[in-house]
Each structure stands twice: as structure tokens, then as C-alpha cells.
Amino acid sequence: MTTTVSFTIDSPLGPRPATVAYERKGAGEPLLLLHGIGHHLRAWHPVTDILAADHDVIAVDLPGFGASDPLPEGVPYDLGTVAAALGALCATLGVERPHVAGNSLGGLLALEMGRERLVASVTALSPAGFWSQAERRYAFGALRALRTGARALPYAAVRGLAGSAAGRAALTGAIYARPARRSPEAVIAETLALRDATGFEQTLAAGGSVRFTDDVPGLPVTIAWGARDRLLLPRQGVRAKHTVPGARLVRLPGCGHVPMNDDPALVARVIRDTTMRRPPATATARSTAMTTTTTTA
């Protein structure tokens, strides 16, 4: 069940009110789930129940996406401001240093929250911010095309396309390796979420110069990449490993940019493996092995 909560965020303009939507279920150590640009918290539904067996799961609609309000006028959608807003949200919900898992934009925010020591562990699934300039331009062009298509299609057309496997592939094949697995209702909802995302342009503009260049020492960190990611190419995972050398780098066979739908059991296992890891013994711990996780189709 989706709930909204209001709280105050610190911004370059001073304290400002914010309201976000979230879903919460399960019990155990808290786990914050963050979606990608143009998506919404329902992206996590394939794995929420699995994770809720061990965690107090809090899936969030980021500001300006899903059912959450946009940030107040004049407040930037930059990395530091949104990460601080998520920290304020956790404080309002009575959650101290949760584990966090994020996909794409959410993965970048998860890493930033880790860098700011706001969380207990980080799982970043195909995180933004490890691109070359050419790769960033390609990804942003693809995102703008998806947004334009979602805004141009009448609702009846979206509903009609979502009713067939081929139509679901046309609507979501850029982000899923197995779009036919997504239900028609979910595809309709996320196409509308992309169409109506009030924070899309501001977030894309804020990300134009973003690269994640800092280490995240002293925390369990996993960076996982779908082997069939067509939006942020898997080679970016190698750059991420060089940037965060203590991270575990995991390959997700058969998965696209949003892997939670393509292989829910695998993604849930990767997240749970991270939340159960102990922090490195020292902030200078280094890991050189790349982990490959396999699963059956």
C-alpha cells in the first residue's frame, strides 16, 4: 500500500518542505529501495516480497517521480540535494542508516548515500555516473526518446500495446532483457509514470556533468550489471570497480538495465548477500576478484 510522508529538506535555498510516496513491508534491518529516472517504486515489486522476508523494506518514489511531489520550485535535482532529502526521509520514518539498493539513477544515489555515510551497505544495479561522455550522450538520447514516445502515445494505444508480448517489448525493451515477463498492467503503469514524471527534465539536466569519482570505503558495496544492459553498457561496471575498488562486482546474466524484472531471485540474492556482509576491516581494504553469479532462465 502506497503512503505519503512530508518532511523538511536542506537545500541551497534553505529548508524546504518535501512530500514523497513510499511502500513499506516486512521486518528486520531496514532496506531502502531506489528506482531509476522516469520509473517508480513498482519497478521493485518483483523482488519486494522476497526481500521483505528478512528486511523492513521501504521502496520510495523519488521526488518528481511516481506518486511523489516534485521538489519545491528552485530546489535543484542534483545528487547532493536528493541524497540529503532521502536521508531526511529516513530520519522522518525513524530509520537510522538503512541498507540501500538502487537501480540506475537510484544506484548512483545509493552510492552517494554510502559516500556520505548515511547507510549501512550499498547495492548499486547498473548505476549511473560511470559513463564516458559518448556513453552519457547515448543514454540521455535514449531516455529522451523513450520519454517522447510515452508522451506521444494515447492511453488507448499504450493499453493496446501492453496487451501483447511484442507490444510490451516495444514499450520496455530498452530497459528489460525479458519484457514479455512484465505484466500488461505494470507496463501501462510505468509508461504512464515516464510520461508524467515532473522531475524528468530537471534530473536529466542535473546529470549532464555528473560522474561518480569517489571511493565508498568502510561499507559493504556491491555493484551489479546486467549482461544485456542496452542503456548503460556493462563495460561501465569495470570503471565502477576501479572507482570503488573495495566493491564486489557482480555480472547478472540474462538481465537488462532494470534487472529486478528479468531475474527477481538473482537480484534479491545479490542484495541480501550485500546486506549480510560485514564492513571491511579497514577503509583501505581492496578486492580484485570479479564475482559472476549464474542462474537458470
C-alpha atoms as a PDB file:
ATOM      1  CA  MET A   1       0.000   0.000   0.000  1.00  0.00           C
ATOM      2  CA  THR A   2       1.427   3.375  -1.007  1.00  0.00           C
ATOM      3  CA  THR A   3       1.702   6.028   1.707  1.00  0.00           C
ATOM      4  CA  THR A   4       2.929   9.619   1.589  1.00  0.00           C
ATOM      5  CA  VAL A   5       5.067  11.416   4.143  1.00  0.00           C
ATOM      6  CA  SER A   6       6.071  15.063   4.426  1.00  0.00           C
ATOM      7  CA  PHE A   7       9.363  16.299   5.858  1.00  0.00           C
ATOM      8  CA  THR A   8      11.846  19.153   5.573  1.00  0.00           C
ATOM      9  CA  ILE A   9      14.936  19.015   3.392  1.00  0.00           C
ATOM     10  CA  ASP A  10      18.061  21.137   3.427  1.00  0.00           C
ATOM     11  CA  SER A  11      18.692  22.777   0.065  1.00  0.00           C
ATOM     12  CA  PRO A  12      20.835  25.582  -1.360  1.00  0.00           C
ATOM     13  CA  LEU A  13      17.769  27.769  -0.805  1.00  0.00           C
ATOM     14  CA  GLY A  14      17.465  26.760   2.833  1.00  0.00           C
ATOM     15  CA  PRO A  15      14.979  24.374   4.493  1.00  0.00           C
ATOM     16  CA  ARG A  16      12.113  23.421   2.196  1.00  0.00           C
ATOM     17  CA  PRO A  17       9.122  21.060   2.535  1.00  0.00           C
ATOM     18  CA  ALA A  18       9.004  17.816   0.562  1.00  0.00           C
ATOM     19  CA  THR A  19       6.439  15.034   0.199  1.00  0.00           C
ATOM     20  CA  VAL A  20       7.240  11.582  -1.147  1.00  0.00           C
ATOM     21  CA  ALA A  21       5.353   8.345  -1.614  1.00  0.00           C
ATOM     22  CA  TYR A  22       6.618   5.015  -0.360  1.00  0.00           C
ATOM     23  CA  GLU A  23       5.616   1.430   0.340  1.00  0.00           C
ATOM     24  CA  ARG A  24       6.815  -0.430   3.418  1.00  0.00           C
ATOM     25  CA  LYS A  25       6.600  -4.092   4.331  1.00  0.00           C
ATOM     26  CA  GLY A  26       8.480  -6.823   6.145  1.00  0.00           C
ATOM     27  CA  ALA A  27      10.570  -6.857   9.305  1.00  0.00           C
ATOM     28  CA  GLY A  28      14.254  -6.841  10.122  1.00  0.00           C
ATOM     29  CA  GLU A  29      17.056  -4.440   9.297  1.00  0.00           C
ATOM     30  CA  PRO A  30      15.725  -1.578   7.135  1.00  0.00           C
ATOM     31  CA  LEU A  31      16.384  -1.675   3.389  1.00  0.00           C
ATOM     32  CA  LEU A  32      15.728   1.379   1.209  1.00  0.00           C
ATOM     33  CA  LEU A  33      14.948   0.731  -2.492  1.00  0.00           C
ATOM     34  CA  LEU A  34      15.533   3.475  -5.097  1.00  0.00           C
ATOM     35  CA  HIS A  35      14.351   3.326  -8.727  1.00  0.00           C
ATOM     36  CA  GLY A  36      15.783   4.882 -11.888  1.00  0.00           C
ATOM     37  CA  ILE A  37      14.907   8.032 -13.822  1.00  0.00           C
ATOM     38  CA  GLY A  38      11.392   8.016 -15.249  1.00  0.00           C
ATOM     39  CA  HIS A  39      10.442   4.912 -13.283  1.00  0.00           C
ATOM     40  CA  HIS A  40       8.624   4.439  -9.987  1.00  0.00           C
ATOM     41  CA  LEU A  41       8.710   2.233  -6.918  1.00  0.00           C
ATOM     42  CA  ARG A  42       6.715  -0.509  -8.661  1.00  0.00           C
ATOM     43  CA  ALA A  43       9.920  -1.371 -10.502  1.00  0.00           C
ATOM     44  CA  TRP A  44      10.859  -3.199  -7.284  1.00  0.00           C
ATOM     45  CA  HIS A  45       7.656  -5.224  -6.964  1.00  0.00           C
ATOM     46  CA  PRO A  46       9.185  -8.401  -8.446  1.00  0.00           C
ATOM     47  CA  VAL A  47      11.646  -8.586  -5.524  1.00  0.00           C
ATOM     48  CA  THR A  48       9.865  -6.788  -2.667  1.00  0.00           C
ATOM     49  CA  ASP A  49       8.199  -9.827  -1.140  1.00  0.00           C
ATOM     50  CA  ILE A  50      11.425 -11.849  -1.309  1.00  0.00           C
ATOM     51  CA  LEU A  51      13.397  -9.122   0.433  1.00  0.00           C
ATOM     52  CA  ALA A  52      10.647  -8.489   2.990  1.00  0.00           C
ATOM     53  CA  ALA A  53      11.232 -11.964   4.425  1.00  0.00           C
ATOM     54  CA  ASP A  54      14.446 -10.622   6.004  1.00  0.00           C
ATOM     55  CA  HIS A  55      14.157  -6.839   5.904  1.00  0.00           C
ATOM     56  CA  ASP A  56      11.965  -3.881   6.712  1.00  0.00           C
ATOM     57  CA  VAL A  57      11.682  -2.879   3.047  1.00  0.00           C
ATOM     58  CA  ILE A  58      10.993   0.764   2.149  1.00  0.00           C
ATOM     59  CA  ALA A  59      10.520   1.347  -1.591  1.00  0.00           C
ATOM     60  CA  VAL A  60      10.431   5.037  -2.475  1.00  0.00           C
ATOM     61  CA  ASP A  61       9.125   7.130  -5.357  1.00  0.00           C
ATOM     62  CA  LEU A  62      11.942   9.641  -5.817  1.00  0.00           C
ATOM     63  CA  PRO A  63      10.957  13.341  -5.761  1.00  0.00           C
ATOM     64  CA  GLY A  64       9.304  14.260  -9.050  1.00  0.00           C
ATOM     65  CA  PHE A  65       8.584  10.636  -9.992  1.00  0.00           C
ATOM     66  CA  GLY A  66       5.729   8.209  -9.441  1.00  0.00           C
ATOM     67  CA  ALA A  67       3.305   9.491  -6.825  1.00  0.00           C
ATOM     68  CA  SER A  68       5.854  11.794  -5.146  1.00  0.00           C
ATOM     69  CA  ASP A  69       5.600  15.556  -5.410  1.00  0.00           C
ATOM     70  CA  PRO A  70       8.298  17.433  -7.315  1.00  0.00           C
ATOM     71  CA  LEU A  71      10.930  19.245  -5.314  1.00  0.00           C
ATOM     72  CA  PRO A  72       9.935  22.793  -4.349  1.00  0.00           C
ATOM     73  CA  GLU A  73      10.441  25.372  -7.071  1.00  0.00           C
ATOM     74  CA  GLY A  74      14.048  26.438  -7.370  1.00  0.00           C
ATOM     75  CA  VAL A  75      15.439  23.435  -5.465  1.00  0.00           C
ATOM     76  CA  PRO A  76      17.884  21.584  -7.737  1.00  0.00           C
ATOM     77  CA  TYR A  77      17.644  17.892  -8.553  1.00  0.00           C
ATOM     78  CA  ASP A  78      21.385  17.482  -8.092  1.00  0.00           C
ATOM     79  CA  LEU A  79      22.961  14.460  -6.466  1.00  0.00           C
ATOM     80  CA  GLY A  80      23.732  16.039  -3.117  1.00  0.00           C
ATOM     81  CA  THR A  81      20.299  17.599  -2.648  1.00  0.00           C
ATOM     82  CA  VAL A  82      18.336  14.436  -3.486  1.00  0.00           C
ATOM     83  CA  ALA A  83      20.613  12.210  -1.387  1.00  0.00           C
ATOM     84  CA  ALA A  84      20.176  14.576   1.565  1.00  0.00           C
ATOM     85  CA  ALA A  85      16.399  14.501   1.013  1.00  0.00           C
ATOM     86  CA  LEU A  86      16.478  10.701   1.209  1.00  0.00           C
ATOM     87  CA  GLY A  87      18.443  10.958   4.435  1.00  0.00           C
ATOM     88  CA  ALA A  88      15.806  13.316   5.810  1.00  0.00           C
ATOM     89  CA  LEU A  89      13.088  10.889   4.725  1.00  0.00           C
ATOM     90  CA  CYS A  90      14.762   8.058   6.627  1.00  0.00           C
ATOM     91  CA  ALA A  91      15.023  10.221   9.739  1.00  0.00           C
ATOM     92  CA  THR A  92      11.328  11.082   9.478  1.00  0.00           C
ATOM     93  CA  LEU A  93      10.450   7.399   9.205  1.00  0.00           C
ATOM     94  CA  GLY A  94      12.577   6.605  12.251  1.00  0.00           C
ATOM     95  CA  VAL A  95      15.148   4.683  10.225  1.00  0.00           C
ATOM     96  CA  GLU A  96      18.848   5.086  11.015  1.00  0.00           C
ATOM     97  CA  ARG A  97      21.470   4.058   8.441  1.00  0.00           C
ATOM     98  CA  PRO A  98      19.430   1.569   6.410  1.00  0.00           C
ATOM     99  CA  HIS A  99      20.870  -0.713   3.808  1.00  0.00           C
ATOM    100  CA  VAL A 100      20.177   0.730   0.366  1.00  0.00           C
ATOM    101  CA  ALA A 101      19.747  -0.792  -3.084  1.00  0.00           C
ATOM    102  CA  GLY A 102      19.270   1.354  -6.160  1.00  0.00           C
ATOM    103  CA  ASN A 103      18.961   0.925  -9.909  1.00  0.00           C
ATOM    104  CA  SER A 104      20.387   3.357 -12.486  1.00  0.00           C
ATOM    105  CA  LEU A 105      19.795   6.848 -11.038  1.00  0.00           C
ATOM    106  CA  GLY A 106      18.847   5.064  -7.813  1.00  0.00           C
ATOM    107  CA  GLY A 107      22.171   3.215  -7.875  1.00  0.00           C
ATOM    108  CA  LEU A 108      24.054   6.492  -8.197  1.00  0.00           C
ATOM    109  CA  LEU A 109      22.047   7.922  -5.282  1.00  0.00           C
ATOM    110  CA  ALA A 110      22.765   4.767  -3.256  1.00  0.00           C
ATOM    111  CA  LEU A 111      26.498   5.223  -3.790  1.00  0.00           C
ATOM    112  CA  GLU A 112      26.273   8.897  -2.840  1.00  0.00           C
ATOM    113  CA  MET A 113      24.409   7.971   0.348  1.00  0.00           C
ATOM    114  CA  GLY A 114      27.178   5.474   1.060  1.00  0.00           C
ATOM    115  CA  ARG A 115      29.843   8.117   0.455  1.00  0.00           C
ATOM    116  CA  GLU A 116      28.015  10.399   2.904  1.00  0.00           C
ATOM    117  CA  ARG A 117      27.835   7.565   5.475  1.00  0.00           C
ATOM    118  CA  LEU A 118      24.041   7.640   5.553  1.00  0.00           C
ATOM    119  CA  VAL A 119      23.608   3.878   5.012  1.00  0.00           C
ATOM    120  CA  ALA A 120      24.904   0.524   6.275  1.00  0.00           C
ATOM    121  CA  SER A 121      25.547  -1.090   2.882  1.00  0.00           C
ATOM    122  CA  VAL A 122      25.110  -0.291  -0.817  1.00  0.00           C
ATOM    123  CA  THR A 123      23.886  -2.413  -3.695  1.00  0.00           C
ATOM    124  CA  ALA A 124      24.012  -0.480  -6.978  1.00  0.00           C
ATOM    125  CA  LEU A 125      22.384  -2.116 -10.017  1.00  0.00           C
ATOM    126  CA  SER A 126      23.687  -0.600 -13.290  1.00  0.00           C
ATOM    127  CA  PRO A 127      24.353   2.719 -11.541  1.00  0.00           C
ATOM    128  CA  ALA A 128      24.587   5.952 -13.482  1.00  0.00           C
ATOM    129  CA  GLY A 129      27.727   8.055 -13.276  1.00  0.00           C
ATOM    130  CA  PHE A 130      30.432   5.752 -14.667  1.00  0.00           C
ATOM    131  CA  TRP A 131      29.978   6.677 -18.314  1.00  0.00           C
ATOM    132  CA  SER A 132      32.221   8.288 -20.878  1.00  0.00           C
ATOM    133  CA  GLN A 133      30.862  11.456 -22.468  1.00  0.00           C
ATOM    134  CA  ALA A 134      29.824   9.488 -25.561  1.00  0.00           C
ATOM    135  CA  GLU A 135      28.082   6.851 -23.450  1.00  0.00           C
ATOM    136  CA  ARG A 136      26.283   9.531 -21.454  1.00  0.00           C
ATOM    137  CA  ARG A 137      25.056  11.245 -24.621  1.00  0.00           C
ATOM    138  CA  TYR A 138      23.826   7.912 -25.960  1.00  0.00           C
ATOM    139  CA  ALA A 139      21.989   7.057 -22.729  1.00  0.00           C
ATOM    140  CA  PHE A 140      20.426  10.508 -22.412  1.00  0.00           C
ATOM    141  CA  GLY A 141      19.322  10.400 -26.058  1.00  0.00           C
ATOM    142  CA  ALA A 142      17.692   7.009 -25.493  1.00  0.00           C
ATOM    143  CA  LEU A 143      15.943   8.267 -22.361  1.00  0.00           C
ATOM    144  CA  ARG A 144      14.625  11.348 -24.145  1.00  0.00           C
ATOM    145  CA  ALA A 145      13.333   9.145 -26.969  1.00  0.00           C
ATOM    146  CA  LEU A 146      11.536   6.890 -24.500  1.00  0.00           C
ATOM    147  CA  ARG A 147      10.019   9.917 -22.780  1.00  0.00           C
ATOM    148  CA  THR A 148       8.900  11.427 -26.105  1.00  0.00           C
ATOM    149  CA  GLY A 149       7.313   8.158 -27.145  1.00  0.00           C
ATOM    150  CA  ALA A 150       5.481   7.758 -23.829  1.00  0.00           C
ATOM    151  CA  ARG A 151       4.111  11.312 -24.062  1.00  0.00           C
ATOM    152  CA  ALA A 152       3.017  10.899 -27.680  1.00  0.00           C
ATOM    153  CA  LEU A 153       1.065   7.678 -27.228  1.00  0.00           C
ATOM    154  CA  PRO A 154      -2.620   7.957 -26.258  1.00  0.00           C
ATOM    155  CA  TYR A 155      -3.669   5.840 -23.319  1.00  0.00           C
ATOM    156  CA  ALA A 156      -5.637   3.504 -25.572  1.00  0.00           C
ATOM    157  CA  ALA A 157      -2.513   2.851 -27.634  1.00  0.00           C
ATOM    158  CA  VAL A 158      -0.437   2.147 -24.530  1.00  0.00           C
ATOM    159  CA  ARG A 159      -3.077  -0.266 -23.286  1.00  0.00           C
ATOM    160  CA  GLY A 160      -3.277  -1.979 -26.651  1.00  0.00           C
ATOM    161  CA  LEU A 161       0.484  -2.411 -26.936  1.00  0.00           C
ATOM    162  CA  ALA A 162       0.801  -3.694 -23.382  1.00  0.00           C
ATOM    163  CA  GLY A 163      -1.648  -6.476 -24.206  1.00  0.00           C
ATOM    164  CA  SER A 164       0.825  -8.394 -26.355  1.00  0.00           C
ATOM    165  CA  ALA A 165       4.376  -9.637 -25.810  1.00  0.00           C
ATOM    166  CA  ALA A 166       5.536  -7.773 -28.916  1.00  0.00           C
ATOM    167  CA  GLY A 167       3.910  -4.567 -27.693  1.00  0.00           C
ATOM    168  CA  ARG A 168       5.489  -4.868 -24.251  1.00  0.00           C
ATOM    169  CA  ALA A 169       8.837  -5.325 -25.975  1.00  0.00           C
ATOM    170  CA  ALA A 170       8.228  -2.158 -27.997  1.00  0.00           C
ATOM    171  CA  LEU A 171       7.399  -0.178 -24.863  1.00  0.00           C
ATOM    172  CA  THR A 172      10.016  -1.557 -22.465  1.00  0.00           C
ATOM    173  CA  GLY A 173      12.599  -3.482 -24.486  1.00  0.00           C
ATOM    174  CA  ALA A 174      15.168  -0.745 -23.919  1.00  0.00           C
ATOM    175  CA  ILE A 175      15.244  -1.445 -20.183  1.00  0.00           C
ATOM    176  CA  TYR A 176      14.283  -5.125 -19.879  1.00  0.00           C
ATOM    177  CA  ALA A 177      16.025  -8.099 -21.451  1.00  0.00           C
ATOM    178  CA  ARG A 178      12.815 -10.109 -20.984  1.00  0.00           C
ATOM    179  CA  PRO A 179       9.990  -7.596 -21.422  1.00  0.00           C
ATOM    180  CA  ALA A 180       7.390 -10.293 -22.040  1.00  0.00           C
ATOM    181  CA  ARG A 181       7.713 -11.243 -18.362  1.00  0.00           C
ATOM    182  CA  ARG A 182       6.343  -7.867 -17.302  1.00  0.00           C
ATOM    183  CA  SER A 183       2.581  -7.850 -16.784  1.00  0.00           C
ATOM    184  CA  PRO A 184       0.410  -5.661 -19.043  1.00  0.00           C
ATOM    185  CA  GLU A 185      -0.751  -3.671 -16.004  1.00  0.00           C
ATOM    186  CA  ALA A 186       2.821  -2.985 -14.890  1.00  0.00           C
ATOM    187  CA  VAL A 187       3.873  -1.882 -18.380  1.00  0.00           C
ATOM    188  CA  ILE A 188       0.930   0.505 -18.609  1.00  0.00           C
ATOM    189  CA  ALA A 189       1.726   1.944 -15.165  1.00  0.00           C
ATOM    190  CA  GLU A 190       5.404   2.509 -15.866  1.00  0.00           C
ATOM    191  CA  THR A 191       4.740   4.024 -19.291  1.00  0.00           C
ATOM    192  CA  LEU A 192       2.400   6.499 -17.628  1.00  0.00           C
ATOM    193  CA  ALA A 193       4.971   7.102 -14.886  1.00  0.00           C
ATOM    194  CA  LEU A 194       7.547   8.001 -17.527  1.00  0.00           C
ATOM    195  CA  ARG A 195       5.052  10.235 -19.327  1.00  0.00           C
ATOM    196  CA  ASP A 196       4.008  12.099 -16.185  1.00  0.00           C
ATOM    197  CA  ALA A 197       7.364  12.368 -14.364  1.00  0.00           C
ATOM    198  CA  THR A 198       7.566  16.005 -13.289  1.00  0.00           C
ATOM    199  CA  GLY A 199      11.228  15.714 -12.327  1.00  0.00           C
ATOM    200  CA  PHE A 200      12.459  14.117 -15.555  1.00  0.00           C
ATOM    201  CA  GLU A 201      13.930  17.121 -17.351  1.00  0.00           C
ATOM    202  CA  GLN A 202      15.460  18.658 -14.231  1.00  0.00           C
ATOM    203  CA  THR A 203      17.054  15.349 -13.237  1.00  0.00           C
ATOM    204  CA  LEU A 204      18.453  14.785 -16.711  1.00  0.00           C
ATOM    205  CA  ALA A 205      19.821  18.327 -16.815  1.00  0.00           C
ATOM    206  CA  ALA A 206      21.436  17.912 -13.390  1.00  0.00           C
ATOM    207  CA  GLY A 207      23.073  14.672 -14.517  1.00  0.00           C
ATOM    208  CA  GLY A 208      24.742  16.167 -17.570  1.00  0.00           C
ATOM    209  CA  SER A 209      28.038  16.748 -15.792  1.00  0.00           C
ATOM    210  CA  VAL A 210      27.825  14.002 -13.163  1.00  0.00           C
ATOM    211  CA  ARG A 211      30.476  11.349 -12.802  1.00  0.00           C
ATOM    212  CA  PHE A 212      30.941   9.341  -9.628  1.00  0.00           C
ATOM    213  CA  THR A 213      34.654   9.568  -8.864  1.00  0.00           C
ATOM    214  CA  ASP A 214      34.927   8.894  -5.115  1.00  0.00           C
ATOM    215  CA  ASP A 215      35.542   5.698  -3.216  1.00  0.00           C
ATOM    216  CA  VAL A 216      32.995   4.400  -0.696  1.00  0.00           C
ATOM    217  CA  PRO A 217      35.319   2.974   1.968  1.00  0.00           C
ATOM    218  CA  GLY A 218      34.335   1.107   5.082  1.00  0.00           C
ATOM    219  CA  LEU A 219      30.989  -0.216   3.809  1.00  0.00           C
ATOM    220  CA  PRO A 220      29.902  -3.421   2.080  1.00  0.00           C
ATOM    221  CA  VAL A 221      29.335  -2.335  -1.531  1.00  0.00           C
ATOM    222  CA  THR A 222      28.114  -4.416  -4.455  1.00  0.00           C
ATOM    223  CA  ILE A 223      27.971  -3.090  -7.995  1.00  0.00           C
ATOM    224  CA  ALA A 224      25.945  -5.393 -10.259  1.00  0.00           C
ATOM    225  CA  TRP A 225      25.446  -5.057 -14.010  1.00  0.00           C
ATOM    226  CA  GLY A 226      23.018  -6.747 -16.358  1.00  0.00           C
ATOM    227  CA  ALA A 227      24.936  -8.573 -19.072  1.00  0.00           C
ATOM    228  CA  ARG A 228      22.292  -7.426 -21.576  1.00  0.00           C
ATOM    229  CA  ASP A 229      22.037  -3.814 -20.412  1.00  0.00           C
ATOM    230  CA  ARG A 230      21.437  -1.738 -23.561  1.00  0.00           C
ATOM    231  CA  LEU A 231      21.196   1.636 -21.841  1.00  0.00           C
ATOM    232  CA  LEU A 232      24.291   1.759 -19.625  1.00  0.00           C
ATOM    233  CA  LEU A 233      26.704  -0.675 -21.218  1.00  0.00           C
ATOM    234  CA  PRO A 234      28.218  -3.379 -18.977  1.00  0.00           C
ATOM    235  CA  ARG A 235      31.792  -2.157 -19.537  1.00  0.00           C
ATOM    236  CA  GLN A 236      30.914   0.734 -17.251  1.00  0.00           C
ATOM    237  CA  GLY A 237      30.969  -1.763 -14.410  1.00  0.00           C
ATOM    238  CA  VAL A 238      34.726  -2.120 -14.820  1.00  0.00           C
ATOM    239  CA  ARG A 239      35.121   1.630 -14.366  1.00  0.00           C
ATOM    240  CA  ALA A 240      32.912   1.450 -11.303  1.00  0.00           C
ATOM    241  CA  LYS A 241      35.152  -1.253  -9.839  1.00  0.00           C
ATOM    242  CA  HIS A 242      38.242   0.905 -10.394  1.00  0.00           C
ATOM    243  CA  THR A 243      36.496   3.835  -8.707  1.00  0.00           C
ATOM    244  CA  VAL A 244      35.238   1.786  -5.749  1.00  0.00           C
ATOM    245  CA  PRO A 245      37.956  -0.871  -5.521  1.00  0.00           C
ATOM    246  CA  GLY A 246      36.584  -2.461  -2.374  1.00  0.00           C
ATOM    247  CA  ALA A 247      33.258  -3.200  -4.083  1.00  0.00           C
ATOM    248  CA  ARG A 248      32.141  -6.628  -5.174  1.00  0.00           C
ATOM    249  CA  LEU A 249      31.440  -6.540  -8.925  1.00  0.00           C
ATOM    250  CA  VAL A 250      28.701  -8.927  -9.994  1.00  0.00           C
ATOM    251  CA  ARG A 251      27.581  -9.858 -13.504  1.00  0.00           C
ATOM    252  CA  LEU A 252      23.847 -10.547 -13.941  1.00  0.00           C
ATOM    253  CA  PRO A 253      23.457 -12.996 -16.838  1.00  0.00           C
ATOM    254  CA  GLY A 254      20.340 -12.572 -18.957  1.00  0.00           C
ATOM    255  CA  CYS A 255      19.412  -9.240 -17.344  1.00  0.00           C
ATOM    256  CA  GLY A 256      18.871  -5.812 -18.868  1.00  0.00           C
ATOM    257  CA  HIS A 257      19.120  -2.343 -17.405  1.00  0.00           C
ATOM    258  CA  VAL A 258      16.310  -2.930 -14.887  1.00  0.00           C
ATOM    259  CA  PRO A 259      17.181  -6.449 -13.724  1.00  0.00           C
ATOM    260  CA  MET A 260      14.570  -6.845 -10.988  1.00  0.00           C
ATOM    261  CA  ASN A 261      12.008  -7.938 -13.578  1.00  0.00           C
ATOM    262  CA  ASP A 262      14.362 -10.103 -15.645  1.00  0.00           C
ATOM    263  CA  ASP A 263      15.568 -12.299 -12.760  1.00  0.00           C
ATOM    264  CA  PRO A 264      13.955 -11.453  -9.404  1.00  0.00           C
ATOM    265  CA  ALA A 265      15.533 -14.352  -7.490  1.00  0.00           C
ATOM    266  CA  LEU A 266      19.042 -13.462  -8.642  1.00  0.00           C
ATOM    267  CA  VAL A 267      18.668  -9.760  -7.873  1.00  0.00           C
ATOM    268  CA  ALA A 268      17.192 -10.461  -4.435  1.00  0.00           C
ATOM    269  CA  ARG A 269      20.072 -12.820  -3.684  1.00  0.00           C
ATOM    270  CA  VAL A 270      22.666 -10.234  -4.705  1.00  0.00           C
ATOM    271  CA  ILE A 271      21.038  -7.622  -2.450  1.00  0.00           C
ATOM    272  CA  ARG A 272      20.724  -9.981   0.501  1.00  0.00           C
ATOM    273  CA  ASP A 273      24.330 -11.137   0.101  1.00  0.00           C
ATOM    274  CA  THR A 274      25.353  -7.484   0.409  1.00  0.00           C
ATOM    275  CA  THR A 275      23.222  -6.677   3.441  1.00  0.00           C
ATOM    276  CA  MET A 276      24.644  -9.710   5.265  1.00  0.00           C
ATOM    277  CA  ARG A 277      28.293  -8.794   4.585  1.00  0.00           C
ATOM    278  CA  ARG A 278      30.368  -7.293   7.352  1.00  0.00           C
ATOM    279  CA  PRO A 279      32.028  -3.931   6.713  1.00  0.00           C
ATOM    280  CA  PRO A 280      35.646  -4.153   5.554  1.00  0.00           C
ATOM    281  CA  ALA A 281      38.160  -4.383   8.387  1.00  0.00           C
ATOM    282  CA  THR A 282      39.811  -1.155   7.223  1.00  0.00           C
ATOM    283  CA  ALA A 283      38.826   1.699   4.931  1.00  0.00           C
ATOM    284  CA  THR A 284      41.710   0.736   2.633  1.00  0.00           C
ATOM    285  CA  ALA A 285      40.560  -2.820   2.006  1.00  0.00           C
ATOM    286  CA  ARG A 286      40.890  -3.786  -1.618  1.00  0.00           C
ATOM    287  CA  SER A 287      39.227  -6.546  -3.614  1.00  0.00           C
ATOM    288  CA  THR A 288      40.334  -7.568  -7.083  1.00  0.00           C
ATOM    289  CA  ALA A 289      38.120 -10.519  -7.849  1.00  0.00           C
ATOM    290  CA  MET A 290      35.092 -10.195 -10.077  1.00  0.00           C
ATOM    291  CA  THR A 291      32.178 -12.350  -8.996  1.00  0.00           C
ATOM    292  CA  THR A 292      29.992 -13.965 -11.644  1.00  0.00           C
ATOM    293  CA  THR A 293      26.593 -15.112 -10.429  1.00  0.00           C
ATOM    294  CA  THR A 294      24.631 -17.516 -12.588  1.00  0.00           C
ATOM    295  CA  THR A 295      21.050 -18.630 -12.624  1.00  0.00           C
ATOM    296  CA  THR A 296      18.772 -20.687 -14.810  1.00  0.00           C
ATOM    297  CA  ALA A 297      16.442 -18.948 -17.259  1.00  0.00           C
END
